[in-house]
Amino acid sequence: MVKYFLLEVYQYHLNTQSTFGCKGRMAVCFGDLMYALYAGKKRYV
């Protein structure tokens, strides 16, 4: 998961047309969270 999100591979697999899902927003939010956790700039996020 760390590699998939920190290398931004997930962006190629986003389903922005999904009727039932979040249109890729959950993956983007999780990717942002993952980046914030591994950036090492804060104690907590």
PDB file of all heavy atoms in Angstrom:
ATOM      1  N   MET A   1       0.840  -1.213   0.000  1.00  0.00           N
ATOM      2  CA  MET A   1       0.000   0.000   0.000  1.00  0.00           C
ATOM      3  C   MET A   1       0.869   1.255   0.000  1.00  0.00           C
ATOM      4  O   MET A   1       0.568   2.225  -0.698  1.00  0.00           O
ATOM      5  CB  MET A   1      -0.909   0.014   1.231  1.00  0.00           C
ATOM      6  CG  MET A   1      -1.966  -1.041   1.230  1.00  0.00           C
ATOM      7  SD  MET A   1      -3.256  -0.738   0.029  1.00  0.00           S
ATOM      8  CE  MET A   1      -4.190   0.524   0.854  1.00  0.00           C
ATOM      9  N   VAL A   2       1.938   1.224   0.773  1.00  0.00           N
ATOM     10  CA  VAL A   2       2.838   2.375   0.835  1.00  0.00           C
ATOM     11  C   VAL A   2       3.411   2.662  -0.551  1.00  0.00           C
ATOM     12  O   VAL A   2       3.374   3.802  -1.026  1.00  0.00           O
ATOM     13  CB  VAL A   2       3.978   2.135   1.854  1.00  0.00           C
ATOM     14  CG1 VAL A   2       5.005   3.233   1.793  1.00  0.00           C
ATOM     15  CG2 VAL A   2       3.409   1.996   3.266  1.00  0.00           C
ATOM     16  N   LYS A   3       3.894   1.648  -1.211  1.00  0.00           N
ATOM     17  CA  LYS A   3       4.466   1.834  -2.552  1.00  0.00           C
ATOM     18  C   LYS A   3       3.412   2.308  -3.545  1.00  0.00           C
ATOM     19  O   LYS A   3       3.651   3.210  -4.336  1.00  0.00           O
ATOM     20  CB  LYS A   3       5.090   0.530  -3.042  1.00  0.00           C
ATOM     21  CG  LYS A   3       6.356   0.156  -2.322  1.00  0.00           C
ATOM     22  CD  LYS A   3       6.910  -1.158  -2.823  1.00  0.00           C
ATOM     23  CE  LYS A   3       8.164  -1.551  -2.078  1.00  0.00           C
ATOM     24  NZ  LYS A   3       8.676  -2.858  -2.519  1.00  0.00           N
ATOM     25  N   TYR A   4       2.232   1.698  -3.501  1.00  0.00           N
ATOM     26  CA  TYR A   4       1.149   2.012  -4.432  1.00  0.00           C
ATOM     27  C   TYR A   4       0.737   3.478  -4.327  1.00  0.00           C
ATOM     28  O   TYR A   4       0.509   4.144  -5.338  1.00  0.00           O
ATOM     29  CB  TYR A   4      -0.043   1.103  -4.136  1.00  0.00           C
ATOM     30  CG  TYR A   4      -1.194   1.213  -5.086  1.00  0.00           C
ATOM     31  CD1 TYR A   4      -1.104   0.725  -6.385  1.00  0.00           C
ATOM     32  CD2 TYR A   4      -2.390   1.775  -4.682  1.00  0.00           C
ATOM     33  CE1 TYR A   4      -2.185   0.809  -7.255  1.00  0.00           C
ATOM     34  CE2 TYR A   4      -3.470   1.856  -5.538  1.00  0.00           C
ATOM     35  CZ  TYR A   4      -3.356   1.373  -6.821  1.00  0.00           C
ATOM     36  OH  TYR A   4      -4.437   1.459  -7.679  1.00  0.00           O
ATOM     37  N   PHE A   5       0.660   3.986  -3.105  1.00  0.00           N
ATOM     38  CA  PHE A   5       0.209   5.367  -2.923  1.00  0.00           C
ATOM     39  C   PHE A   5       1.341   6.383  -2.974  1.00  0.00           C
ATOM     40  O   PHE A   5       1.170   7.453  -3.549  1.00  0.00           O
ATOM     41  CB  PHE A   5      -0.612   5.498  -1.641  1.00  0.00           C
ATOM     42  CG  PHE A   5      -2.016   5.015  -1.820  1.00  0.00           C
ATOM     43  CD1 PHE A   5      -2.354   3.705  -1.529  1.00  0.00           C
ATOM     44  CD2 PHE A   5      -2.993   5.852  -2.314  1.00  0.00           C
ATOM     45  CE1 PHE A   5      -3.642   3.247  -1.716  1.00  0.00           C
ATOM     46  CE2 PHE A   5      -4.293   5.409  -2.513  1.00  0.00           C
ATOM     47  CZ  PHE A   5      -4.618   4.099  -2.215  1.00  0.00           C
ATOM     48  N   LEU A   6       2.483   6.079  -2.398  1.00  0.00           N
ATOM     49  CA  LEU A   6       3.573   7.066  -2.413  1.00  0.00           C
ATOM     50  C   LEU A   6       4.191   7.230  -3.802  1.00  0.00           C
ATOM     51  O   LEU A   6       4.692   8.298  -4.130  1.00  0.00           O
ATOM     52  CB  LEU A   6       4.641   6.709  -1.384  1.00  0.00           C
ATOM     53  CG  LEU A   6       4.226   6.859   0.079  1.00  0.00           C
ATOM     54  CD1 LEU A   6       5.401   6.583   0.993  1.00  0.00           C
ATOM     55  CD2 LEU A   6       3.637   8.232   0.361  1.00  0.00           C
ATOM     56  N   LEU A   7       4.139   6.182  -4.606  1.00  0.00           N
ATOM     57  CA  LEU A   7       4.620   6.291  -5.987  1.00  0.00           C
ATOM     58  C   LEU A   7       3.524   6.783  -6.932  1.00  0.00           C
ATOM     59  O   LEU A   7       3.733   6.876  -8.134  1.00  0.00           O
ATOM     60  CB  LEU A   7       5.173   4.947  -6.471  1.00  0.00           C
ATOM     61  CG  LEU A   7       6.394   4.434  -5.712  1.00  0.00           C
ATOM     62  CD1 LEU A   7       6.777   3.042  -6.196  1.00  0.00           C
ATOM     63  CD2 LEU A   7       7.566   5.398  -5.873  1.00  0.00           C
ATOM     64  N   GLU A   8       2.343   7.062  -6.370  1.00  0.00           N
ATOM     65  CA  GLU A   8       1.184   7.616  -7.072  1.00  0.00           C
ATOM     66  C   GLU A   8       0.671   6.740  -8.214  1.00  0.00           C
ATOM     67  O   GLU A   8       0.081   7.218  -9.169  1.00  0.00           O
ATOM     68  CB  GLU A   8       1.477   9.032  -7.560  1.00  0.00           C
ATOM     69  CG  GLU A   8       1.756   9.983  -6.414  1.00  0.00           C
ATOM     70  CD  GLU A   8       2.008  11.407  -6.853  1.00  0.00           C
ATOM     71  OE1 GLU A   8       2.200  11.656  -8.058  1.00  0.00           O
ATOM     72  OE2 GLU A   8       2.001  12.273  -5.969  1.00  0.00           O
ATOM     73  N   VAL A   9       0.861   5.427  -8.095  1.00  0.00           N
ATOM     74  CA  VAL A   9       0.337   4.482  -9.074  1.00  0.00           C
ATOM     75  C   VAL A   9      -1.189   4.494  -9.039  1.00  0.00           C
ATOM     76  O   VAL A   9      -1.845   4.327 -10.070  1.00  0.00           O
ATOM     77  CB  VAL A   9       0.887   3.058  -8.809  1.00  0.00           C
ATOM     78  CG1 VAL A   9       0.271   2.034  -9.731  1.00  0.00           C
ATOM     79  CG2 VAL A   9       2.397   3.046  -8.913  1.00  0.00           C
ATOM     80  N   TYR A  10      -1.756   4.732  -7.865  1.00  0.00           N
ATOM     81  CA  TYR A  10      -3.208   4.704  -7.699  1.00  0.00           C
ATOM     82  C   TYR A  10      -3.923   5.695  -8.627  1.00  0.00           C
ATOM     83  O   TYR A  10      -5.061   5.475  -9.023  1.00  0.00           O
ATOM     84  CB  TYR A  10      -3.596   4.985  -6.246  1.00  0.00           C
ATOM     85  CG  TYR A  10      -3.453   6.436  -5.837  1.00  0.00           C
ATOM     86  CD1 TYR A  10      -4.545   7.293  -5.876  1.00  0.00           C
ATOM     87  CD2 TYR A  10      -2.240   6.950  -5.406  1.00  0.00           C
ATOM     88  CE1 TYR A  10      -4.430   8.618  -5.511  1.00  0.00           C
ATOM     89  CE2 TYR A  10      -2.107   8.259  -5.029  1.00  0.00           C
ATOM     90  CZ  TYR A  10      -3.208   9.095  -5.088  1.00  0.00           C
ATOM     91  OH  TYR A  10      -3.096  10.406  -4.724  1.00  0.00           O
ATOM     92  N   GLN A  11      -3.254   6.771  -8.997  1.00  0.00           N
ATOM     93  CA  GLN A  11      -3.877   7.787  -9.844  1.00  0.00           C
ATOM     94  C   GLN A  11      -4.244   7.241 -11.225  1.00  0.00           C
ATOM     95  O   GLN A  11      -5.155   7.748 -11.861  1.00  0.00           O
ATOM     96  CB  GLN A  11      -2.985   9.011  -9.958  1.00  0.00           C
ATOM     97  CG  GLN A  11      -2.896   9.752  -8.643  1.00  0.00           C
ATOM     98  CD  GLN A  11      -2.154  11.058  -8.758  1.00  0.00           C
ATOM     99  OE1 GLN A  11      -1.644  11.423  -9.808  1.00  0.00           O
ATOM    100  NE2 GLN A  11      -2.092  11.782  -7.664  1.00  0.00           N
ATOM    101  N   TYR A  12      -3.555   6.203 -11.658  1.00  0.00           N
ATOM    102  CA  TYR A  12      -3.874   5.591 -12.949  1.00  0.00           C
ATOM    103  C   TYR A  12      -5.077   4.659 -12.851  1.00  0.00           C
ATOM    104  O   TYR A  12      -5.596   4.228 -13.876  1.00  0.00           O
ATOM    105  CB  TYR A  12      -2.663   4.814 -13.479  1.00  0.00           C
ATOM    106  CG  TYR A  12      -1.476   5.699 -13.741  1.00  0.00           C
ATOM    107  CD1 TYR A  12      -0.391   5.701 -12.877  1.00  0.00           C
ATOM    108  CD2 TYR A  12      -1.449   6.559 -14.834  1.00  0.00           C
ATOM    109  CE1 TYR A  12       0.703   6.520 -13.100  1.00  0.00           C
ATOM    110  CE2 TYR A  12      -0.367   7.387 -15.064  1.00  0.00           C
ATOM    111  CZ  TYR A  12       0.703   7.363 -14.197  1.00  0.00           C
ATOM    112  OH  TYR A  12       1.771   8.184 -14.423  1.00  0.00           O
ATOM    113  N   HIS A  13      -5.506   4.335 -11.648  1.00  0.00           N
ATOM    114  CA  HIS A  13      -6.596   3.388 -11.446  1.00  0.00           C
ATOM    115  C   HIS A  13      -7.860   4.029 -10.872  1.00  0.00           C
ATOM    116  O   HIS A  13      -8.780   3.319 -10.493  1.00  0.00           O
ATOM    117  CB  HIS A  13      -6.137   2.257 -10.509  1.00  0.00           C
ATOM    118  CG  HIS A  13      -4.968   1.505 -11.043  1.00  0.00           C
ATOM    119  ND1 HIS A  13      -3.838   1.299 -10.304  1.00  0.00           N
ATOM    120  CD2 HIS A  13      -4.735   0.935 -12.248  1.00  0.00           C
ATOM    121  CE1 HIS A  13      -2.966   0.623 -11.029  1.00  0.00           C
ATOM    122  NE2 HIS A  13      -3.487   0.396 -12.211  1.00  0.00           N
ATOM    123  N   LEU A  14      -7.905   5.340 -10.807  1.00  0.00           N
ATOM    124  CA  LEU A  14      -9.067   6.016 -10.238  1.00  0.00           C
ATOM    125  C   LEU A  14     -10.286   5.842 -11.143  1.00  0.00           C
ATOM    126  O   LEU A  14     -10.185   5.962 -12.366  1.00  0.00           O
ATOM    127  CB  LEU A  14      -8.793   7.508 -10.067  1.00  0.00           C
ATOM    128  CG  LEU A  14      -7.789   7.897  -9.001  1.00  0.00           C
ATOM    129  CD1 LEU A  14      -7.576   9.403  -9.007  1.00  0.00           C
ATOM    130  CD2 LEU A  14      -8.230   7.434  -7.632  1.00  0.00           C
ATOM    131  N   ASN A  15     -11.428   5.566 -10.539  1.00  0.00           N
ATOM    132  CA  ASN A  15     -12.679   5.462 -11.272  1.00  0.00           C
ATOM    133  C   ASN A  15     -13.497   6.716 -10.964  1.00  0.00           C
ATOM    134  O   ASN A  15     -14.255   6.753 -10.004  1.00  0.00           O
ATOM    135  CB  ASN A  15     -13.444   4.200 -10.872  1.00  0.00           C
ATOM    136  CG  ASN A  15     -14.719   4.028 -11.665  1.00  0.00           C
ATOM    137  OD1 ASN A  15     -15.081   4.874 -12.465  1.00  0.00           O
ATOM    138  ND2 ASN A  15     -15.404   2.927 -11.437  1.00  0.00           N
ATOM    139  N   THR A  16     -13.340   7.728 -11.777  1.00  0.00           N
ATOM    140  CA  THR A  16     -14.028   8.996 -11.533  1.00  0.00           C
ATOM    141  C   THR A  16     -15.454   8.990 -12.059  1.00  0.00           C
ATOM    142  O   THR A  16     -16.184   9.954 -11.852  1.00  0.00           O
ATOM    143  CB  THR A  16     -13.246  10.157 -12.177  1.00  0.00           C
ATOM    144  OG1 THR A  16     -13.123   9.911 -13.577  1.00  0.00           O
ATOM    145  CG2 THR A  16     -11.870  10.301 -11.556  1.00  0.00           C
ATOM    146  N   GLN A  17     -15.838   7.921 -12.737  1.00  0.00           N
ATOM    147  CA  GLN A  17     -17.185   7.827 -13.308  1.00  0.00           C
ATOM    148  C   GLN A  17     -18.128   6.963 -12.482  1.00  0.00           C
ATOM    149  O   GLN A  17     -19.274   6.780 -12.847  1.00  0.00           O
ATOM    150  CB  GLN A  17     -17.096   7.243 -14.734  1.00  0.00           C
ATOM    151  CG  GLN A  17     -16.136   7.966 -15.646  1.00  0.00           C
ATOM    152  CD  GLN A  17     -16.495   9.443 -15.827  1.00  0.00           C
ATOM    153  OE1 GLN A  17     -17.654   9.774 -16.002  1.00  0.00           O
ATOM    154  NE2 GLN A  17     -15.497  10.307 -15.773  1.00  0.00           N
ATOM    155  N   SER A  18     -17.674   6.423 -11.384  1.00  0.00           N
ATOM    156  CA  SER A  18     -18.459   5.494 -10.578  1.00  0.00           C
ATOM    157  C   SER A  18     -19.761   6.124 -10.083  1.00  0.00           C
ATOM    158  O   SER A  18     -19.760   7.216  -9.523  1.00  0.00           O
ATOM    159  CB  SER A  18     -17.644   5.018  -9.376  1.00  0.00           C
ATOM    160  OG  SER A  18     -18.443   4.242  -8.526  1.00  0.00           O
ATOM    161  N   THR A  19     -20.844   5.425 -10.282  1.00  0.00           N
ATOM    162  CA  THR A  19     -22.145   5.890  -9.820  1.00  0.00           C
ATOM    163  C   THR A  19     -22.328   5.625  -8.326  1.00  0.00           C
ATOM    164  O   THR A  19     -22.942   6.401  -7.615  1.00  0.00           O
ATOM    165  CB  THR A  19     -23.269   5.167 -10.586  1.00  0.00           C
ATOM    166  OG1 THR A  19     -23.039   5.333 -11.975  1.00  0.00           O
ATOM    167  CG2 THR A  19     -24.626   5.730 -10.245  1.00  0.00           C
ATOM    168  N   PHE A  20     -21.784   4.515  -7.851  1.00  0.00           N
ATOM    169  CA  PHE A  20     -21.996   4.096  -6.477  1.00  0.00           C
ATOM    170  C   PHE A  20     -20.875   4.514  -5.525  1.00  0.00           C
ATOM    171  O   PHE A  20     -21.077   4.559  -4.324  1.00  0.00           O
ATOM    172  CB  PHE A  20     -22.156   2.576  -6.412  1.00  0.00           C
ATOM    173  CG  PHE A  20     -23.285   2.081  -7.256  1.00  0.00           C
ATOM    174  CD1 PHE A  20     -23.039   1.395  -8.428  1.00  0.00           C
ATOM    175  CD2 PHE A  20     -24.591   2.319  -6.894  1.00  0.00           C
ATOM    176  CE1 PHE A  20     -24.072   0.950  -9.217  1.00  0.00           C
ATOM    177  CE2 PHE A  20     -25.641   1.886  -7.665  1.00  0.00           C
ATOM    178  CZ  PHE A  20     -25.379   1.193  -8.837  1.00  0.00           C
ATOM    179  N   GLY A  21     -19.722   4.783  -6.028  1.00  0.00           N
ATOM    180  CA  GLY A  21     -18.570   5.085  -5.180  1.00  0.00           C
ATOM    181  C   GLY A  21     -18.401   6.565  -4.912  1.00  0.00           C
ATOM    182  O   GLY A  21     -19.344   7.355  -5.002  1.00  0.00           O
ATOM    183  N   CYS A  22     -17.185   6.940  -4.599  1.00  0.00           N
ATOM    184  CA  CYS A  22     -16.851   8.334  -4.262  1.00  0.00           C
ATOM    185  C   CYS A  22     -16.181   9.062  -5.414  1.00  0.00           C
ATOM    186  O   CYS A  22     -15.607  10.123  -5.212  1.00  0.00           O
ATOM    187  CB  CYS A  22     -15.917   8.349  -3.050  1.00  0.00           C
ATOM    188  SG  CYS A  22     -16.618   7.691  -1.552  1.00  0.00           S
ATOM    189  N   LYS A  23     -16.199   8.454  -6.599  1.00  0.00           N
ATOM    190  CA  LYS A  23     -15.593   9.047  -7.801  1.00  0.00           C
ATOM    191  C   LYS A  23     -14.091   9.300  -7.627  1.00  0.00           C
ATOM    192  O   LYS A  23     -13.553  10.280  -8.106  1.00  0.00           O
ATOM    193  CB  LYS A  23     -16.321  10.311  -8.206  1.00  0.00           C
ATOM    194  CG  LYS A  23     -17.791  10.079  -8.513  1.00  0.00           C
ATOM    195  CD  LYS A  23     -18.417  11.266  -9.136  1.00  0.00           C
ATOM    196  CE  LYS A  23     -19.894  11.100  -9.362  1.00  0.00           C
ATOM    197  NZ  LYS A  23     -20.319   9.976 -10.117  1.00  0.00           N
ATOM    198  N   GLY A  24     -13.440   8.403  -6.890  1.00  0.00           N
ATOM    199  CA  GLY A  24     -11.995   8.486  -6.701  1.00  0.00           C
ATOM    200  C   GLY A  24     -11.552   9.367  -5.554  1.00  0.00           C
ATOM    201  O   GLY A  24     -10.366   9.423  -5.236  1.00  0.00           O
ATOM    202  N   ARG A  25     -12.485  10.065  -4.915  1.00  0.00           N
ATOM    203  CA  ARG A  25     -12.104  10.990  -3.836  1.00  0.00           C
ATOM    204  C   ARG A  25     -11.492  10.279  -2.641  1.00  0.00           C
ATOM    205  O   ARG A  25     -10.574  10.798  -2.007  1.00  0.00           O
ATOM    206  CB  ARG A  25     -13.314  11.804  -3.395  1.00  0.00           C
ATOM    207  CG  ARG A  25     -13.789  12.804  -4.442  1.00  0.00           C
ATOM    208  CD  ARG A  25     -14.841  13.738  -3.876  1.00  0.00           C
ATOM    209  NE  ARG A  25     -15.887  13.033  -3.160  1.00  0.00           N
ATOM    210  CZ  ARG A  25     -17.131  12.831  -3.618  1.00  0.00           C
ATOM    211  NH1 ARG A  25     -17.468  13.285  -4.796  1.00  0.00           N
ATOM    212  NH2 ARG A  25     -18.013  12.192  -2.888  1.00  0.00           N
ATOM    213  N   MET A  26     -11.980   9.076  -2.315  1.00  0.00           N
ATOM    214  CA  MET A  26     -11.439   8.342  -1.166  1.00  0.00           C
ATOM    215  C   MET A  26      -9.982   7.969  -1.406  1.00  0.00           C
ATOM    216  O   MET A  26      -9.142   8.110  -0.522  1.00  0.00           O
ATOM    217  CB  MET A  26     -12.272   7.087  -0.880  1.00  0.00           C
ATOM    218  CG  MET A  26     -11.814   6.331   0.348  1.00  0.00           C
ATOM    219  SD  MET A  26     -11.957   7.245   1.889  1.00  0.00           S
ATOM    220  CE  MET A  26     -13.704   7.123   2.178  1.00  0.00           C
ATOM    221  N   ALA A  27      -9.677   7.509  -2.615  1.00  0.00           N
ATOM    222  CA  ALA A  27      -8.293   7.144  -2.934  1.00  0.00           C
ATOM    223  C   ALA A  27      -7.389   8.370  -2.887  1.00  0.00           C
ATOM    224  O   ALA A  27      -6.268   8.305  -2.380  1.00  0.00           O
ATOM    225  CB  ALA A  27      -8.217   6.476  -4.298  1.00  0.00           C
ATOM    226  N   VAL A  28      -7.880   9.486  -3.389  1.00  0.00           N
ATOM    227  CA  VAL A  28      -7.078  10.717  -3.371  1.00  0.00           C
ATOM    228  C   VAL A  28      -6.847  11.175  -1.934  1.00  0.00           C
ATOM    229  O   VAL A  28      -5.724  11.535  -1.558  1.00  0.00           O
ATOM    230  CB  VAL A  28      -7.751  11.824  -4.213  1.00  0.00           C
ATOM    231  CG1 VAL A  28      -7.061  13.154  -4.018  1.00  0.00           C
ATOM    232  CG2 VAL A  28      -7.762  11.429  -5.683  1.00  0.00           C
ATOM    233  N   CYS A  29      -7.887  11.136  -1.098  1.00  0.00           N
ATOM    234  CA  CYS A  29      -7.742  11.518   0.316  1.00  0.00           C
ATOM    235  C   CYS A  29      -6.768  10.586   1.033  1.00  0.00           C
ATOM    236  O   CYS A  29      -5.943  11.036   1.825  1.00  0.00           O
ATOM    237  CB  CYS A  29      -9.092  11.487   1.020  1.00  0.00           C
ATOM    238  SG  CYS A  29     -10.162  12.862   0.605  1.00  0.00           S
ATOM    239  N   PHE A  30      -6.880   9.283   0.743  1.00  0.00           N
ATOM    240  CA  PHE A  30      -5.975   8.326   1.372  1.00  0.00           C
ATOM    241  C   PHE A  30      -4.541   8.563   0.895  1.00  0.00           C
ATOM    242  O   PHE A  30      -3.600   8.493   1.685  1.00  0.00           O
ATOM    243  CB  PHE A  30      -6.408   6.888   1.087  1.00  0.00           C
ATOM    244  CG  PHE A  30      -5.583   5.879   1.809  1.00  0.00           C
ATOM    245  CD1 PHE A  30      -5.778   5.642   3.152  1.00  0.00           C
ATOM    246  CD2 PHE A  30      -4.591   5.172   1.156  1.00  0.00           C
ATOM    247  CE1 PHE A  30      -4.999   4.719   3.839  1.00  0.00           C
ATOM    248  CE2 PHE A  30      -3.813   4.242   1.823  1.00  0.00           C
ATOM    249  CZ  PHE A  30      -4.020   4.020   3.164  1.00  0.00           C
ATOM    250  N   GLY A  31      -4.356   8.857  -0.380  1.00  0.00           N
ATOM    251  CA  GLY A  31      -3.022   9.162  -0.905  1.00  0.00           C
ATOM    252  C   GLY A  31      -2.434  10.397  -0.245  1.00  0.00           C
ATOM    253  O   GLY A  31      -1.248  10.427   0.103  1.00  0.00           O
ATOM    254  N   ASP A  32      -3.261  11.412  -0.050  1.00  0.00           N
ATOM    255  CA  ASP A  32      -2.801  12.623   0.633  1.00  0.00           C
ATOM    256  C   ASP A  32      -2.414  12.323   2.082  1.00  0.00           C
ATOM    257  O   ASP A  32      -1.410  12.824   2.581  1.00  0.00           O
ATOM    258  CB  ASP A  32      -3.885  13.703   0.605  1.00  0.00           C
ATOM    259  CG  ASP A  32      -4.144  14.254  -0.785  1.00  0.00           C
ATOM    260  OD1 ASP A  32      -3.313  14.020  -1.701  1.00  0.00           O
ATOM    261  OD2 ASP A  32      -5.197  14.909  -0.960  1.00  0.00           O
ATOM    262  N   LEU A  33      -3.231  11.494   2.737  1.00  0.00           N
ATOM    263  CA  LEU A  33      -2.923  11.106   4.108  1.00  0.00           C
ATOM    264  C   LEU A  33      -1.618  10.316   4.175  1.00  0.00           C
ATOM    265  O   LEU A  33      -0.764  10.578   5.021  1.00  0.00           O
ATOM    266  CB  LEU A  33      -4.067  10.263   4.692  1.00  0.00           C
ATOM    267  CG  LEU A  33      -3.818   9.689   6.082  1.00  0.00           C
ATOM    268  CD1 LEU A  33      -3.760  10.803   7.127  1.00  0.00           C
ATOM    269  CD2 LEU A  33      -4.883   8.674   6.437  1.00  0.00           C
ATOM    270  N   MET A  34      -1.462   9.381   3.265  1.00  0.00           N
ATOM    271  CA  MET A  34      -0.244   8.560   3.227  1.00  0.00           C
ATOM    272  C   MET A  34       0.983   9.455   3.033  1.00  0.00           C
ATOM    273  O   MET A  34       1.989   9.295   3.718  1.00  0.00           O
ATOM    274  CB  MET A  34      -0.340   7.531   2.107  1.00  0.00           C
ATOM    275  CG  MET A  34       0.842   6.615   1.995  1.00  0.00           C
ATOM    276  SD  MET A  34       0.828   5.217   3.100  1.00  0.00           S
ATOM    277  CE  MET A  34      -0.403   4.196   2.341  1.00  0.00           C
ATOM    278  N   TYR A  35       0.879  10.404   2.122  1.00  0.00           N
ATOM    279  CA  TYR A  35       2.003  11.319   1.883  1.00  0.00           C
ATOM    280  C   TYR A  35       2.314  12.125   3.153  1.00  0.00           C
ATOM    281  O   TYR A  35       3.475  12.276   3.525  1.00  0.00           O
ATOM    282  CB  TYR A  35       1.702  12.261   0.719  1.00  0.00           C
ATOM    283  CG  TYR A  35       2.834  13.217   0.468  1.00  0.00           C
ATOM    284  CD1 TYR A  35       3.968  12.805  -0.226  1.00  0.00           C
ATOM    285  CD2 TYR A  35       2.786  14.518   0.948  1.00  0.00           C
ATOM    286  CE1 TYR A  35       5.029  13.675  -0.435  1.00  0.00           C
ATOM    287  CE2 TYR A  35       3.837  15.389   0.748  1.00  0.00           C
ATOM    288  CZ  TYR A  35       4.959  14.963   0.054  1.00  0.00           C
ATOM    289  OH  TYR A  35       6.000  15.817  -0.137  1.00  0.00           O
ATOM    290  N   ALA A  36       1.268  12.628   3.817  1.00  0.00           N
ATOM    291  CA  ALA A  36       1.478  13.419   5.037  1.00  0.00           C
ATOM    292  C   ALA A  36       2.140  12.585   6.132  1.00  0.00           C
ATOM    293  O   ALA A  36       2.996  13.078   6.866  1.00  0.00           O
ATOM    294  CB  ALA A  36       0.148  13.984   5.531  1.00  0.00           C
ATOM    295  N   LEU A  37       1.746  11.318   6.232  1.00  0.00           N
ATOM    296  CA  LEU A  37       2.341  10.450   7.248  1.00  0.00           C
ATOM    297  C   LEU A  37       3.806  10.160   6.972  1.00  0.00           C
ATOM    298  O   LEU A  37       4.614  10.067   7.886  1.00  0.00           O
ATOM    299  CB  LEU A  37       1.562   9.129   7.349  1.00  0.00           C
ATOM    300  CG  LEU A  37       0.163   9.217   7.947  1.00  0.00           C
ATOM    301  CD1 LEU A  37      -0.544   7.876   7.833  1.00  0.00           C
ATOM    302  CD2 LEU A  37       0.212   9.676   9.387  1.00  0.00           C
ATOM    303  N   TYR A  38       4.153  10.016   5.702  1.00  0.00           N
ATOM    304  CA  TYR A  38       5.529   9.654   5.355  1.00  0.00           C
ATOM    305  C   TYR A  38       6.409  10.853   5.035  1.00  0.00           C
ATOM    306  O   TYR A  38       7.603  10.695   4.839  1.00  0.00           O
ATOM    307  CB  TYR A  38       5.534   8.647   4.200  1.00  0.00           C
ATOM    308  CG  TYR A  38       5.297   7.248   4.696  1.00  0.00           C
ATOM    309  CD1 TYR A  38       4.011   6.763   4.872  1.00  0.00           C
ATOM    310  CD2 TYR A  38       6.353   6.426   5.060  1.00  0.00           C
ATOM    311  CE1 TYR A  38       3.785   5.500   5.377  1.00  0.00           C
ATOM    312  CE2 TYR A  38       6.141   5.161   5.562  1.00  0.00           C
ATOM    313  CZ  TYR A  38       4.850   4.704   5.715  1.00  0.00           C
ATOM    314  OH  TYR A  38       4.640   3.461   6.219  1.00  0.00           O
ATOM    315  N   ALA A  39       5.855  12.048   5.005  1.00  0.00           N
ATOM    316  CA  ALA A  39       6.672  13.236   4.759  1.00  0.00           C
ATOM    317  C   ALA A  39       7.572  13.528   5.949  1.00  0.00           C
ATOM    318  O   ALA A  39       8.646  14.106   5.795  1.00  0.00           O
ATOM    319  CB  ALA A  39       5.781  14.438   4.457  1.00  0.00           C
ATOM    320  N   GLY A  40       7.139  13.114   7.130  1.00  0.00           N
ATOM    321  CA  GLY A  40       7.963  13.286   8.320  1.00  0.00           C
ATOM    322  C   GLY A  40       8.056  14.711   8.809  1.00  0.00           C
ATOM    323  O   GLY A  40       9.003  15.077   9.479  1.00  0.00           O
ATOM    324  N   LYS A  41       7.049  15.543   8.493  1.00  0.00           N
ATOM    325  CA  LYS A  41       7.106  16.947   8.885  1.00  0.00           C
ATOM    326  C   LYS A  41       6.287  17.265  10.132  1.00  0.00           C
ATOM    327  O   LYS A  41       6.430  18.322  10.709  1.00  0.00           O
ATOM    328  CB  LYS A  41       6.626  17.818   7.726  1.00  0.00           C
ATOM    329  CG  LYS A  41       7.549  17.734   6.534  1.00  0.00           C
ATOM    330  CD  LYS A  41       7.073  18.599   5.406  1.00  0.00           C
ATOM    331  CE  LYS A  41       8.038  18.457   4.225  1.00  0.00           C
ATOM    332  NZ  LYS A  41       7.622  19.245   3.091  1.00  0.00           N
ATOM    333  N   LYS A  42       5.404  16.342  10.522  1.00  0.00           N
ATOM    334  CA  LYS A  42       4.531  16.580  11.668  1.00  0.00           C
ATOM    335  C   LYS A  42       4.535  15.371  12.592  1.00  0.00           C
ATOM    336  O   LYS A  42       4.845  14.270  12.173  1.00  0.00           O
ATOM    337  CB  LYS A  42       3.099  16.842  11.201  1.00  0.00           C
ATOM    338  CG  LYS A  42       2.953  18.058  10.330  1.00  0.00           C
ATOM    339  CD  LYS A  42       1.515  18.230   9.916  1.00  0.00           C
ATOM    340  CE  LYS A  42       1.368  19.456   9.019  1.00  0.00           C
ATOM    341  NZ  LYS A  42      -0.015  19.630   8.587  1.00  0.00           N
ATOM    342  N   ARG A  43       4.162  15.602  13.840  1.00  0.00           N
ATOM    343  CA  ARG A  43       4.042  14.491  14.793  1.00  0.00           C
ATOM    344  C   ARG A  43       2.765  13.698  14.550  1.00  0.00           C
ATOM    345  O   ARG A  43       2.712  12.512  14.791  1.00  0.00           O
ATOM    346  CB  ARG A  43       4.007  15.006  16.217  1.00  0.00           C
ATOM    347  CG  ARG A  43       5.338  15.459  16.712  1.00  0.00           C
ATOM    348  CD  ARG A  43       5.211  15.836  18.154  1.00  0.00           C
ATOM    349  NE  ARG A  43       6.499  16.316  18.599  1.00  0.00           N
ATOM    350  CZ  ARG A  43       6.958  16.158  19.808  1.00  0.00           C
ATOM    351  NH1 ARG A  43       6.223  15.559  20.700  1.00  0.00           N
ATOM    352  NH2 ARG A  43       8.132  16.613  20.126  1.00  0.00           N
ATOM    353  N   TYR A  44       1.707  14.400  14.124  1.00  0.00           N
ATOM    354  CA  TYR A  44       0.434  13.733  13.887  1.00  0.00           C
ATOM    355  C   TYR A  44      -0.312  14.437  12.754  1.00  0.00           C
ATOM    356  O   TYR A  44      -0.035  15.587  12.432  1.00  0.00           O
ATOM    357  CB  TYR A  44      -0.435  13.699  15.153  1.00  0.00           C
ATOM    358  CG  TYR A  44      -0.771  15.060  15.700  1.00  0.00           C
ATOM    359  CD1 TYR A  44      -1.897  15.748  15.246  1.00  0.00           C
ATOM    360  CD2 TYR A  44       0.006  15.662  16.663  1.00  0.00           C
ATOM    361  CE1 TYR A  44      -2.204  17.002  15.730  1.00  0.00           C
ATOM    362  CE2 TYR A  44      -0.289  16.910  17.165  1.00  0.00           C
ATOM    363  CZ  TYR A  44      -1.409  17.573  16.694  1.00  0.00           C
ATOM    364  OH  TYR A  44      -1.715  18.816  17.181  1.00  0.00           O
ATOM    365  N   VAL A  45      -1.246  13.709  12.163  1.00  0.00           N
ATOM    366  CA  VAL A  45      -2.066  14.216  11.067  1.00  0.00           C
ATOM    367  C   VAL A  45      -3.519  13.928  11.421  1.00  0.00           C
ATOM    368  O   VAL A  45      -3.839  12.861  11.961  1.00  0.00           O
ATOM    369  CB  VAL A  45      -1.706  13.508   9.738  1.00  0.00           C
ATOM    370  CG1 VAL A  45      -2.602  13.960   8.618  1.00  0.00           C
ATOM    371  CG2 VAL A  45      -0.250  13.746   9.386  1.00  0.00           C
TER     372      VAL A  45
END
